[in-house]
Amino acid sequence: MYFINGVFHVLHIVIILSSLFLYLIDDLIAVHLMLQATILTSWLIIGPMIKKPGVCLLTELQKKLGLGGSSGFTDSYMVFLSKKLGYKGNDAKKIELITFSVFSVCTALSLFRYLY
């Protein structure tokens, strides 16, 4: 299970970094937009269908496999990661707002680069 948990962490980091920076590579802008659409679908369509709006399906799967608790996260992966990186606050809503704001800016930049 330790290996599987590590794979989930690597997938999370790859998705986060790709969401942040993939639009900077001209040949991968369309891939970035597909990634952003997938993330948004998870947050706004699939999440409400399972009565958890804003949910990351990868995080939920990790929790369902019993890996979330042993990793130290019970809320979102971004809250967990922020705390691991040294954030001392307890404001999960603030972290989620920042996450969605950065996501929105990256998506807007990607759309702009794709269209122009």
C-alpha atoms as a PDB file:
ATOM      1  CA  MET A   1       0.000   0.000   0.000  1.00  0.00           C
ATOM      2  CA  TYR A   2       2.965   2.310   0.596  1.00  0.00           C
ATOM      3  CA  PHE A   3       3.855   2.089  -3.118  1.00  0.00           C
ATOM      4  CA  ILE A   4       0.264   2.777  -4.224  1.00  0.00           C
ATOM      5  CA  ASN A   5       0.093   5.754  -1.887  1.00  0.00           C
ATOM      6  CA  GLY A   6       3.330   7.059  -3.427  1.00  0.00           C
ATOM      7  CA  VAL A   7       1.850   6.667  -6.916  1.00  0.00           C
ATOM      8  CA  PHE A   8      -1.194   8.720  -5.864  1.00  0.00           C
ATOM      9  CA  HIS A   9       1.057  11.455  -4.499  1.00  0.00           C
ATOM     10  CA  VAL A  10       3.087  11.531  -7.726  1.00  0.00           C
ATOM     11  CA  LEU A  11      -0.127  11.698  -9.794  1.00  0.00           C
ATOM     12  CA  HIS A  12      -1.403  14.594  -7.684  1.00  0.00           C
ATOM     13  CA  ILE A  13       1.859  16.507  -8.072  1.00  0.00           C
ATOM     14  CA  VAL A  14       1.972  15.865 -11.835  1.00  0.00           C
ATOM     15  CA  ILE A  15      -1.617  17.086 -12.232  1.00  0.00           C
ATOM     16  CA  ILE A  16      -0.978  20.187 -10.098  1.00  0.00           C
ATOM     17  CA  LEU A  17       2.236  21.124 -11.922  1.00  0.00           C
ATOM     18  CA  SER A  18       0.668  20.424 -15.309  1.00  0.00           C
ATOM     19  CA  SER A  19      -2.305  22.606 -14.439  1.00  0.00           C
ATOM     20  CA  LEU A  20       0.047  25.393 -13.384  1.00  0.00           C
ATOM     21  CA  PHE A  21       2.558  25.320 -16.231  1.00  0.00           C
ATOM     22  CA  LEU A  22       1.560  23.162 -19.210  1.00  0.00           C
ATOM     23  CA  TYR A  23      -0.051  26.063 -21.063  1.00  0.00           C
ATOM     24  CA  LEU A  24       3.391  27.678 -21.340  1.00  0.00           C
ATOM     25  CA  ILE A  25       4.436  25.062 -23.925  1.00  0.00           C
ATOM     26  CA  ASP A  26       2.921  25.966 -27.305  1.00  0.00           C
ATOM     27  CA  ASP A  27       2.442  22.394 -28.507  1.00  0.00           C
ATOM     28  CA  LEU A  28       0.654  21.354 -25.302  1.00  0.00           C
ATOM     29  CA  ILE A  29      -1.921  24.106 -24.896  1.00  0.00           C
ATOM     30  CA  ALA A  30      -4.747  21.865 -26.142  1.00  0.00           C
ATOM     31  CA  VAL A  31      -3.650  19.138 -23.707  1.00  0.00           C
ATOM     32  CA  HIS A  32      -3.675  21.720 -20.914  1.00  0.00           C
ATOM     33  CA  LEU A  33      -7.220  22.770 -21.801  1.00  0.00           C
ATOM     34  CA  MET A  34      -8.335  19.124 -21.748  1.00  0.00           C
ATOM     35  CA  LEU A  35      -6.739  18.686 -18.316  1.00  0.00           C
ATOM     36  CA  GLN A  36      -8.454  21.826 -17.042  1.00  0.00           C
ATOM     37  CA  ALA A  37     -11.791  20.624 -18.433  1.00  0.00           C
ATOM     38  CA  THR A  38     -11.312  17.274 -16.702  1.00  0.00           C
ATOM     39  CA  ILE A  39     -10.538  18.955 -13.373  1.00  0.00           C
ATOM     40  CA  LEU A  40     -13.509  21.296 -13.719  1.00  0.00           C
ATOM     41  CA  THR A  41     -15.771  18.362 -14.592  1.00  0.00           C
ATOM     42  CA  SER A  42     -14.655  16.579 -11.435  1.00  0.00           C
ATOM     43  CA  TRP A  43     -15.273  19.665  -9.302  1.00  0.00           C
ATOM     44  CA  LEU A  44     -18.555  20.899 -10.783  1.00  0.00           C
ATOM     45  CA  ILE A  45     -20.326  17.908 -12.321  1.00  0.00           C
ATOM     46  CA  ILE A  46     -19.142  14.623 -10.820  1.00  0.00           C
ATOM     47  CA  GLY A  47     -18.651  16.079  -7.338  1.00  0.00           C
ATOM     48  CA  PRO A  48     -22.255  17.276  -6.972  1.00  0.00           C
ATOM     49  CA  MET A  49     -23.481  13.957  -8.392  1.00  0.00           C
ATOM     50  CA  ILE A  50     -21.846  12.161  -5.456  1.00  0.00           C
ATOM     51  CA  LYS A  51     -22.943  14.952  -3.092  1.00  0.00           C
ATOM     52  CA  LYS A  52     -19.412  16.369  -2.684  1.00  0.00           C
ATOM     53  CA  PRO A  53     -19.109  19.543  -4.793  1.00  0.00           C
ATOM     54  CA  GLY A  54     -15.534  20.548  -5.527  1.00  0.00           C
ATOM     55  CA  VAL A  55     -14.244  17.037  -5.003  1.00  0.00           C
ATOM     56  CA  CYS A  56     -11.115  15.692  -6.656  1.00  0.00           C
ATOM     57  CA  LEU A  57     -11.818  12.147  -7.775  1.00  0.00           C
ATOM     58  CA  LEU A  58      -8.186  11.141  -7.327  1.00  0.00           C
ATOM     59  CA  THR A  59      -8.245  12.351  -3.714  1.00  0.00           C
ATOM     60  CA  GLU A  60     -11.518  10.540  -3.058  1.00  0.00           C
ATOM     61  CA  LEU A  61     -10.135   7.320  -4.504  1.00  0.00           C
ATOM     62  CA  GLN A  62      -7.038   7.663  -2.364  1.00  0.00           C
ATOM     63  CA  LYS A  63      -9.226   8.138   0.715  1.00  0.00           C
ATOM     64  CA  LYS A  64     -11.500   5.190  -0.207  1.00  0.00           C
ATOM     65  CA  LEU A  65      -8.461   2.936  -0.412  1.00  0.00           C
ATOM     66  CA  GLY A  66      -7.602   4.003   3.131  1.00  0.00           C
ATOM     67  CA  LEU A  67      -4.530   5.906   2.004  1.00  0.00           C
ATOM     68  CA  GLY A  68      -5.681   9.420   2.824  1.00  0.00           C
ATOM     69  CA  GLY A  69      -5.763   9.011   6.579  1.00  0.00           C
ATOM     70  CA  SER A  70      -2.340   7.441   6.755  1.00  0.00           C
ATOM     71  CA  SER A  71      -1.004  10.271   4.602  1.00  0.00           C
ATOM     72  CA  GLY A  72      -2.379  12.865   6.949  1.00  0.00           C
ATOM     73  CA  PHE A  73      -5.146  14.369   4.835  1.00  0.00           C
ATOM     74  CA  THR A  74      -8.844  14.209   5.445  1.00  0.00           C
ATOM     75  CA  ASP A  75     -10.010  17.232   3.444  1.00  0.00           C
ATOM     76  CA  SER A  76      -8.569  18.176   0.094  1.00  0.00           C
ATOM     77  CA  TYR A  77      -5.167  17.316  -1.255  1.00  0.00           C
ATOM     78  CA  MET A  78      -4.309  21.021  -1.584  1.00  0.00           C
ATOM     79  CA  VAL A  79      -4.944  21.584   2.136  1.00  0.00           C
ATOM     80  CA  PHE A  80      -2.746  18.581   2.908  1.00  0.00           C
ATOM     81  CA  LEU A  81      -0.013  19.757   0.545  1.00  0.00           C
ATOM     82  CA  SER A  82      -0.110  23.328   1.880  1.00  0.00           C
ATOM     83  CA  LYS A  83       0.415  22.079   5.406  1.00  0.00           C
ATOM     84  CA  LYS A  84       3.222  19.760   4.298  1.00  0.00           C
ATOM     85  CA  LEU A  85       4.894  22.742   2.613  1.00  0.00           C
ATOM     86  CA  GLY A  86       4.804  24.756   5.828  1.00  0.00           C
ATOM     87  CA  TYR A  87       1.451  26.579   5.942  1.00  0.00           C
ATOM     88  CA  LYS A  88       0.582  26.918   9.624  1.00  0.00           C
ATOM     89  CA  GLY A  89      -2.972  28.220   9.246  1.00  0.00           C
ATOM     90  CA  ASN A  90      -6.155  26.243   9.702  1.00  0.00           C
ATOM     91  CA  ASP A  91      -8.252  27.904   7.016  1.00  0.00           C
ATOM     92  CA  ALA A  92      -9.135  25.188   4.475  1.00  0.00           C
ATOM     93  CA  LYS A  93     -11.657  27.482   2.740  1.00  0.00           C
ATOM     94  CA  LYS A  94      -8.935  30.056   2.079  1.00  0.00           C
ATOM     95  CA  ILE A  95      -6.699  27.392   0.529  1.00  0.00           C
ATOM     96  CA  GLU A  96      -9.564  26.171  -1.647  1.00  0.00           C
ATOM     97  CA  LEU A  97     -10.331  29.734  -2.769  1.00  0.00           C
ATOM     98  CA  ILE A  98      -6.689  30.306  -3.694  1.00  0.00           C
ATOM     99  CA  THR A  99      -6.608  26.949  -5.503  1.00  0.00           C
ATOM    100  CA  PHE A 100      -9.689  27.773  -7.568  1.00  0.00           C
ATOM    101  CA  SER A 101      -8.416  31.292  -8.278  1.00  0.00           C
ATOM    102  CA  VAL A 102      -5.045  30.077  -9.541  1.00  0.00           C
ATOM    103  CA  PHE A 103      -6.806  27.352 -11.539  1.00  0.00           C
ATOM    104  CA  SER A 104      -9.064  29.991 -13.131  1.00  0.00           C
ATOM    105  CA  VAL A 105      -6.155  32.260 -14.047  1.00  0.00           C
ATOM    106  CA  CYS A 106      -4.208  29.370 -15.596  1.00  0.00           C
ATOM    107  CA  THR A 107      -7.281  28.295 -17.561  1.00  0.00           C
ATOM    108  CA  ALA A 108      -7.898  31.844 -18.804  1.00  0.00           C
ATOM    109  CA  LEU A 109      -4.259  32.190 -19.878  1.00  0.00           C
ATOM    110  CA  SER A 110      -4.437  28.858 -21.647  1.00  0.00           C
ATOM    111  CA  LEU A 111      -7.637  29.823 -23.465  1.00  0.00           C
ATOM    112  CA  PHE A 112      -6.091  33.135 -24.484  1.00  0.00           C
ATOM    113  CA  ARG A 113      -2.958  31.420 -25.815  1.00  0.00           C
ATOM    114  CA  TYR A 114      -5.063  28.797 -27.609  1.00  0.00           C
ATOM    115  CA  LEU A 115      -7.326  31.342 -29.301  1.00  0.00           C
ATOM    116  CA  TYR A 116      -4.656  33.908 -30.138  1.00  0.00           C
END
